Protein backbone atom coordinates (compact mmCIF):
# COMPACT_ATOMS: atom_id res chain seq x y z
CA MET A 1 98.21 102.33 95.29
CA ASN A 2 95.32 102.83 92.88
CA PHE A 3 94.77 99.80 90.63
CA GLN A 4 92.47 101.69 88.26
CA PRO A 5 94.35 102.72 85.08
CA SER A 6 94.22 106.43 84.37
CA GLU A 7 92.51 107.78 81.29
CA THR A 8 95.93 108.59 79.87
CA THR A 9 97.12 105.01 80.36
CA LEU A 10 93.98 103.62 78.73
CA HIS A 11 94.32 106.05 75.83
CA VAL A 12 97.96 105.29 75.05
CA ALA A 13 97.35 101.54 75.43
CA ALA A 14 94.54 101.76 72.87
CA ALA A 15 96.76 103.74 70.50
CA ALA A 16 99.56 101.17 70.82
CA ARG A 17 97.06 98.31 70.35
CA ASP A 18 95.63 99.86 67.19
CA PHE A 19 99.09 100.49 65.77
CA ALA A 20 100.17 96.93 66.47
CA GLU A 21 97.11 95.45 64.81
CA GLN A 22 97.38 97.62 61.72
CA HIS A 23 101.12 97.92 61.17
CA ILE A 24 102.77 94.98 62.93
CA ARG A 25 100.52 91.91 62.99
CA PRO A 26 100.32 91.54 59.17
CA HIS A 27 104.12 91.23 58.98
CA VAL A 28 105.02 89.29 62.13
CA MET A 29 106.03 85.97 60.57
CA GLU A 30 107.55 87.58 57.48
CA TRP A 31 109.89 89.66 59.67
CA ASP A 32 110.60 86.69 61.93
CA GLU A 33 111.56 84.34 59.10
CA ALA A 34 113.77 86.92 57.40
CA GLN A 35 115.25 88.33 60.65
CA HIS A 36 114.20 91.69 59.25
CA PHE A 37 114.54 94.68 61.58
CA PRO A 38 111.67 96.97 60.46
CA ILE A 39 113.23 100.39 60.89
CA ASP A 40 110.41 102.14 59.01
CA THR A 41 107.92 100.75 61.53
CA PHE A 42 109.97 102.21 64.38
CA ARG A 43 110.08 105.57 62.63
CA ALA A 44 106.27 105.43 62.46
CA MET A 45 106.10 104.58 66.17
CA GLY A 46 108.34 107.56 66.77
CA GLN A 47 105.75 109.82 65.18
CA LEU A 48 103.21 108.50 67.71
CA GLY A 49 105.54 109.22 70.62
CA LEU A 50 106.21 105.55 71.35
CA MET A 51 109.98 105.87 70.95
CA GLY A 52 110.34 108.66 73.50
CA VAL A 53 107.75 107.58 76.04
CA LEU A 54 109.64 108.78 79.13
CA VAL A 55 111.32 111.79 77.49
CA PRO A 56 109.87 115.17 78.57
CA HIS A 57 108.12 117.36 76.01
CA GLU A 58 110.96 119.89 76.08
CA TYR A 59 113.23 117.32 74.44
CA GLY A 60 110.65 116.15 71.91
CA GLY A 61 109.28 113.20 73.85
CA ALA A 62 105.83 112.06 74.95
CA GLY A 63 106.40 113.03 78.58
CA LEU A 64 104.64 109.94 79.94
CA GLY A 65 105.36 107.74 82.95
CA TYR A 66 106.04 104.11 83.73
CA PHE A 67 102.38 103.05 83.92
CA GLU A 68 101.88 104.23 80.35
CA TYR A 69 105.22 102.75 79.30
CA ASN A 70 104.25 99.36 80.74
CA ALA A 71 100.92 99.43 78.92
CA ILE A 72 102.54 100.37 75.58
CA ILE A 73 105.15 97.62 75.71
CA GLN A 74 102.57 95.01 76.68
CA GLU A 75 100.27 95.92 73.79
CA ILE A 76 103.12 95.80 71.26
CA ALA A 77 104.65 92.58 72.69
CA LYS A 78 101.26 90.88 72.71
CA VAL A 79 101.45 91.07 68.91
CA CYS A 80 105.22 90.78 68.39
CA GLY A 81 107.83 90.22 71.06
CA SER A 82 110.64 91.31 68.73
CA VAL A 83 109.18 94.76 68.18
CA GLY A 84 108.41 95.02 71.89
CA LEU A 85 112.02 94.16 72.75
CA SER A 86 113.49 96.77 70.42
CA LEU A 87 111.00 99.35 71.69
CA ALA A 88 112.05 98.59 75.27
CA ALA A 89 115.80 98.68 74.56
CA HIS A 90 115.57 101.98 72.69
CA ASN A 91 113.48 103.67 75.39
CA SER A 92 114.82 102.17 78.63
CA LEU A 93 118.50 101.80 77.89
CA CYS A 94 120.02 104.21 75.38
CA THR A 95 117.48 107.03 75.54
CA ASN A 96 116.88 106.80 79.27
CA HIS A 97 120.60 106.69 80.04
CA ILE A 98 121.12 110.00 78.26
CA LEU A 99 117.97 111.44 79.86
CA THR A 100 119.05 110.37 83.34
CA PHE A 101 122.77 111.13 83.28
CA GLY A 102 123.35 113.53 80.39
CA ASN A 103 123.96 117.23 80.92
CA GLU A 104 121.67 119.79 79.34
CA ALA A 105 123.73 120.15 76.17
CA GLN A 106 123.85 116.37 75.72
CA LYS A 107 120.12 116.00 76.25
CA ARG A 108 119.34 118.68 73.68
CA ARG A 109 121.82 117.20 71.24
CA TRP A 110 120.63 113.59 71.23
CA LEU A 111 117.19 113.17 72.83
CA PRO A 112 114.98 114.90 70.23
CA LYS A 113 116.15 112.61 67.43
CA LEU A 114 115.95 109.53 69.65
CA ALA A 115 112.46 110.44 70.88
CA THR A 116 111.13 110.63 67.32
CA ALA A 117 113.12 107.60 66.10
CA GLU A 118 114.95 109.72 63.56
CA HIS A 119 117.83 108.01 65.34
CA ILE A 120 117.67 104.45 66.71
CA GLY A 121 119.44 103.87 70.02
CA ALA A 122 121.76 101.10 71.23
CA TRP A 123 123.29 100.41 74.65
CA GLY A 124 126.54 98.54 75.10
CA LEU A 125 127.50 96.87 78.37
CA THR A 126 127.78 93.13 77.61
CA GLU A 127 130.94 91.62 76.13
CA PRO A 128 131.82 88.16 74.76
CA ASN A 129 133.43 86.98 78.02
CA THR A 130 131.83 89.32 80.54
CA GLY A 131 128.06 88.89 80.55
CA SER A 132 127.04 89.04 84.20
CA ASP A 133 130.68 89.73 85.13
CA ALA A 134 130.59 93.32 83.88
CA GLY A 135 133.25 94.51 86.32
CA ASN A 136 135.83 92.58 84.31
CA MET A 137 135.02 94.14 80.94
CA LYS A 138 137.78 94.29 78.32
CA THR A 139 136.58 97.29 76.31
CA THR A 140 138.70 100.23 77.41
CA ALA A 141 138.62 104.00 77.07
CA VAL A 142 141.95 105.77 77.45
CA LYS A 143 142.16 109.55 77.92
CA ASP A 144 144.22 111.36 75.27
CA GLY A 145 144.13 115.10 75.77
CA ASP A 146 140.51 116.23 75.53
CA HIS A 147 139.52 113.01 73.75
CA TRP A 148 139.02 109.34 74.67
CA VAL A 149 140.17 106.36 72.60
CA LEU A 150 137.90 103.29 72.77
CA ASN A 151 139.03 99.74 71.97
CA GLY A 152 137.14 96.49 72.37
CA THR A 153 134.01 94.60 71.39
CA LYS A 154 130.49 94.61 72.79
CA ASN A 155 128.10 91.80 71.89
CA TRP A 156 124.43 90.86 72.28
CA ILE A 157 123.67 94.50 71.56
CA THR A 158 120.14 95.36 70.46
CA HIS A 159 120.52 97.57 67.36
CA GLY A 160 124.28 96.98 67.36
CA LYS A 161 124.28 97.29 63.58
CA SER A 162 121.45 99.73 62.82
CA GLY A 163 121.66 101.98 65.86
CA ASP A 164 122.60 105.59 65.11
CA ILE A 165 123.48 106.48 68.70
CA ALA A 166 125.10 104.12 71.21
CA VAL A 167 125.67 104.54 74.91
CA VAL A 168 128.80 102.50 75.62
CA ILE A 169 130.20 101.48 78.99
CA ALA A 170 134.00 101.16 78.82
CA ARG A 171 136.61 100.39 81.42
CA THR A 172 138.63 103.42 82.48
CA GLY A 173 140.29 101.80 85.51
CA GLU A 174 141.82 98.48 86.49
CA PRO A 175 139.75 95.26 86.19
CA ARG A 176 137.58 94.40 89.20
CA THR A 177 138.25 97.68 90.98
CA SER A 178 135.61 100.06 92.26
CA GLY A 179 134.62 102.85 89.89
CA ASN A 180 136.48 101.36 86.94
CA ALA A 181 133.96 102.12 84.15
CA THR A 182 132.66 105.23 82.40
CA ALA A 183 129.73 105.82 80.03
CA PHE A 184 130.14 107.46 76.63
CA VAL A 185 127.90 108.31 73.69
CA VAL A 186 129.24 107.20 70.32
CA GLU A 187 127.60 108.19 67.05
CA ARG A 188 127.41 105.88 64.04
CA GLY A 189 129.91 106.99 61.43
CA THR A 190 132.61 107.82 63.95
CA PRO A 191 135.91 106.40 62.62
CA GLY A 192 136.81 103.19 64.43
CA PHE A 193 133.19 102.34 65.31
CA ALA A 194 131.84 99.41 63.29
CA ALA A 195 129.20 96.71 63.44
CA GLY A 196 130.27 93.09 63.75
CA LYS A 197 128.41 89.79 63.60
CA LYS A 198 124.62 89.80 63.60
CA GLU A 199 123.30 86.96 65.74
CA ASN A 200 121.07 84.22 64.27
CA LYS A 201 118.67 83.71 67.17
CA LEU A 202 116.06 81.22 68.34
CA GLY A 203 113.48 83.94 68.96
CA MET A 204 113.11 87.72 68.91
CA ARG A 205 114.41 87.42 65.37
CA ALA A 206 113.07 90.75 64.09
CA SER A 207 114.90 92.57 66.88
CA GLU A 208 118.43 93.11 65.65
CA THR A 209 121.19 91.78 67.90
CA ALA A 210 124.79 92.39 66.82
CA GLU A 211 128.33 93.16 67.89
CA MET A 212 129.72 96.68 68.19
CA ILE A 213 133.45 96.91 67.53
CA PHE A 214 135.71 99.78 68.61
CA ASP A 215 139.14 100.03 67.02
CA ASN A 216 140.97 103.16 68.16
CA CYS A 217 137.63 104.96 68.12
CA ARG A 218 138.34 108.54 69.11
CA ILE A 219 135.59 110.67 70.68
CA PRO A 220 135.68 114.04 72.47
CA ASP A 221 135.29 114.31 76.23
CA SER A 222 132.01 116.16 75.59
CA GLN A 223 130.51 112.75 74.79
CA ARG A 224 131.24 111.38 78.25
CA LEU A 225 128.10 110.85 80.38
CA GLY A 226 128.58 111.84 84.00
CA GLU A 227 131.78 111.48 85.96
CA VAL A 228 134.74 109.30 85.11
CA GLY A 229 134.36 105.98 86.95
CA ASP A 230 130.61 106.33 87.37
CA GLY A 231 129.58 104.13 84.44
CA PHE A 232 128.77 100.92 86.29
CA ARG A 233 126.74 102.69 88.97
CA GLN A 234 124.81 104.44 86.21
CA SER A 235 124.23 101.11 84.47
CA LEU A 236 122.76 99.52 87.58
CA LYS A 237 120.29 102.38 87.93
CA ILE A 238 119.35 102.14 84.25
CA LEU A 239 118.86 98.39 84.59
CA ASP A 240 116.51 98.94 87.56
CA GLY A 241 114.11 100.72 85.19
CA GLY A 242 114.97 98.49 82.25
CA ARG A 243 113.87 95.43 84.18
CA ILE A 244 110.39 96.89 84.42
CA SER A 245 110.28 97.10 80.65
CA ILE A 246 111.44 93.48 80.25
CA ALA A 247 108.79 92.42 82.75
CA ALA A 248 106.22 94.27 80.62
CA LEU A 249 107.65 92.61 77.51
CA ALA A 250 107.30 89.17 79.10
CA GLN A 251 103.80 90.02 80.29
CA GLY A 252 102.74 91.03 76.78
CA ILE A 253 104.06 87.75 75.36
CA ALA A 254 102.26 85.77 78.08
CA ARG A 255 99.01 87.62 77.43
CA GLY A 256 99.29 87.01 73.71
CA ALA A 257 99.86 83.28 74.22
CA PHE A 258 97.05 83.07 76.77
CA GLU A 259 94.48 84.88 74.62
CA ALA A 260 95.34 82.69 71.64
CA SER A 261 94.92 79.60 73.84
CA VAL A 262 91.54 80.66 75.16
CA GLN A 263 90.25 81.31 71.66
CA TYR A 264 91.63 78.04 70.28
CA SER A 265 90.25 75.99 73.20
CA LYS A 266 86.76 77.23 72.36
CA GLU A 267 87.09 76.55 68.63
CA ARG A 268 88.90 73.21 68.70
CA HIS A 269 86.50 70.25 69.11
CA GLN A 270 87.30 66.73 70.22
CA PHE A 271 84.78 64.07 71.19
CA ASP A 272 82.00 66.37 69.91
CA GLN A 273 82.77 69.26 72.27
CA PRO A 274 85.21 72.14 72.60
CA ILE A 275 88.43 71.15 74.34
CA SER A 276 87.87 73.98 76.84
CA ASN A 277 85.28 71.66 78.43
CA PHE A 278 87.99 69.23 79.47
CA GLN A 279 89.51 69.75 82.88
CA GLY A 280 93.03 69.15 81.59
CA ILE A 281 92.67 72.22 79.38
CA SER A 282 90.55 74.44 81.61
CA PHE A 283 92.91 73.97 84.57
CA LYS A 284 95.86 74.99 82.40
CA LEU A 285 93.99 78.14 81.43
CA ALA A 286 93.16 78.82 85.09
CA ASP A 287 96.82 78.55 86.05
CA MET A 288 97.87 80.77 83.16
CA ALA A 289 95.33 83.46 84.08
CA THR A 290 96.35 83.43 87.75
CA GLU A 291 100.08 83.67 87.05
CA ILE A 292 99.58 86.51 84.55
CA ALA A 293 97.49 88.40 87.13
CA ALA A 294 100.17 87.93 89.80
CA ALA A 295 102.90 89.13 87.44
CA GLU A 296 100.85 92.22 86.62
CA LEU A 297 100.63 93.16 90.29
CA LEU A 298 104.41 92.95 90.64
CA ILE A 299 104.87 95.11 87.55
CA GLN A 300 102.36 97.68 88.77
CA GLN A 301 104.10 97.84 92.15
CA ALA A 302 107.46 98.46 90.46
CA CYS A 303 105.91 101.15 88.24
CA TYR A 304 104.41 102.85 91.30
CA LEU A 305 107.76 102.93 93.11
CA LYS A 306 109.51 104.25 90.01
CA GLU A 307 106.87 106.93 89.48
CA THR A 308 107.07 108.07 93.10
CA HIS A 309 110.89 108.17 93.02
CA GLN A 310 111.35 105.40 95.58
CA LYS A 311 113.97 102.67 95.51
CA VAL A 312 112.85 100.04 93.02
CA THR A 313 115.80 97.62 92.83
CA GLU A 314 114.15 94.71 94.64
CA GLN A 315 110.69 95.15 93.13
CA SER A 316 111.89 95.56 89.54
CA ALA A 317 114.05 92.44 89.89
CA MET A 318 111.07 90.52 91.31
CA ALA A 319 108.80 91.73 88.50
CA LYS A 320 111.34 90.88 85.80
CA TYR A 321 112.17 87.48 87.30
CA TYR A 322 108.59 86.37 87.88
CA ALA A 323 107.03 87.78 84.70
CA SER A 324 109.73 86.29 82.48
CA GLU A 325 109.39 82.84 84.03
CA VAL A 326 105.60 83.11 83.72
CA ALA A 327 105.96 84.00 80.03
CA VAL A 328 107.97 80.82 79.42
CA LYS A 329 105.51 78.66 81.35
CA VAL A 330 102.42 80.20 79.76
CA SER A 331 103.79 79.94 76.23
CA THR A 332 104.86 76.32 76.89
CA ASP A 333 101.35 75.46 78.07
CA ALA A 334 99.92 77.31 75.06
CA VAL A 335 101.86 75.05 72.68
CA GLN A 336 100.56 72.05 74.63
CA ILE A 337 96.96 73.26 74.33
CA PHE A 338 97.36 73.68 70.58
CA GLY A 339 98.91 70.22 70.35
CA GLY A 340 100.53 69.43 67.00
CA TYR A 341 99.27 72.68 65.53
CA GLY A 342 101.11 74.58 68.26
CA TYR A 343 104.37 73.18 66.93
CA THR A 344 103.84 74.70 63.50
CA LYS A 345 104.41 78.23 62.23
CA ASP A 346 100.83 78.38 60.94
CA PHE A 347 99.65 79.18 64.47
CA PRO A 348 100.96 81.99 66.70
CA VAL A 349 101.98 80.18 69.88
CA GLU A 350 105.23 78.68 68.60
CA LYS A 351 106.59 82.21 68.18
CA TYR A 352 105.48 83.23 71.67
CA TYR A 353 107.25 80.08 72.88
CA ARG A 354 110.51 81.01 71.12
CA ASP A 355 110.37 84.70 72.04
CA SER A 356 109.59 84.14 75.71
CA LYS A 357 112.91 82.54 76.60
CA LEU A 358 114.91 85.70 75.93
CA CYS A 359 113.03 87.43 78.75
CA THR A 360 114.71 85.10 81.28
CA ILE A 361 118.15 86.02 79.89
CA GLY A 362 118.23 89.62 78.67
CA GLU A 363 119.02 92.53 81.04
CA GLY A 364 120.11 90.05 83.69
CA THR A 365 119.32 86.34 83.82
CA SER A 366 116.76 84.90 86.23
CA GLU A 367 119.70 83.79 88.36
CA ILE A 368 121.04 87.36 88.52
CA GLN A 369 117.58 88.59 89.50
CA LYS A 370 117.56 86.10 92.37
CA LEU A 371 120.98 87.36 93.41
CA VAL A 372 119.73 90.97 93.38
CA ILE A 373 116.58 90.06 95.32
CA ALA A 374 118.51 88.01 97.89
CA ARG A 375 121.01 90.84 98.39
CA GLU A 376 118.16 93.30 99.02
CA VAL A 377 116.35 90.92 101.36
CA LEU A 378 119.49 90.21 103.37
CA SER A 379 120.82 93.77 103.52
């Protein structure tokens, strides 16, 4: 594969970087402290094409690929992990699920507004008692004539409160049986569809996470995505691509923490010299740089396989697993380099530290990634 970024990739990365510096960085801590989900900022990103990165032009999107998508998420996450997370969830999960499995009428109905962020997207798989155990979900969809009736609760849902369009995976068969789930699109305002508790989180606080509650929520069969019983298989395919975006998110956080550490190590003086002169600090920076470079290669490999329509399950799991663990390690070392200042909100690394942990949990924990990788290796 060619390791040289294309002109398009460089161009969109620069555009995302400029947007983040102008419209996100000035508000990062304000949004974090208030747990404010900046919808207007996402609408502005929609006008730049950042909310429909993978959506073809014919549906109002940017028509870009995974290399560009990776670069965009990294540039945004380098400034604010919360905005990067919401950007990734909107693009990779809700929007991409409709793009991948919707019929032509469904694509034309929902994608144009999602691609421009006129509508914010949510994706509902996880439930209170079925995180990694999705085959045992309790949310059900029961056929009633040419409609479906949904009942149950989804939690840990990005944009669960503010999302206008939600792709929801509901059980349509018996628990723990093959082909027991189906995907549906539910629009905000549908009777029986309500938002529940908004989570008060350690990090990623400006990315809204909330429950979605379905109480005899009645939707037409025209809002079913794909075949009945195909929902879990669809979800696994969506998560294959989604893991690339979480790897990019983690990589952006790691890069942000690393760059802040390099700058601080040159400016901070002890014993009449910059602390970067001390081996204890310089070796930390060397380790950080090496691990970030290794993570980038895994992400690039996964992007290449996705772009060339090859199987990406193992490589996307590896990229997500390694990059997320690197983000935690790099941000931890960044706090250590900053010392006492790193433990305060006056300096940026404490937020990278808090935000990084989510990357090892969301869209499949590190343990689930190991399970996926081991299954692929042993198959």
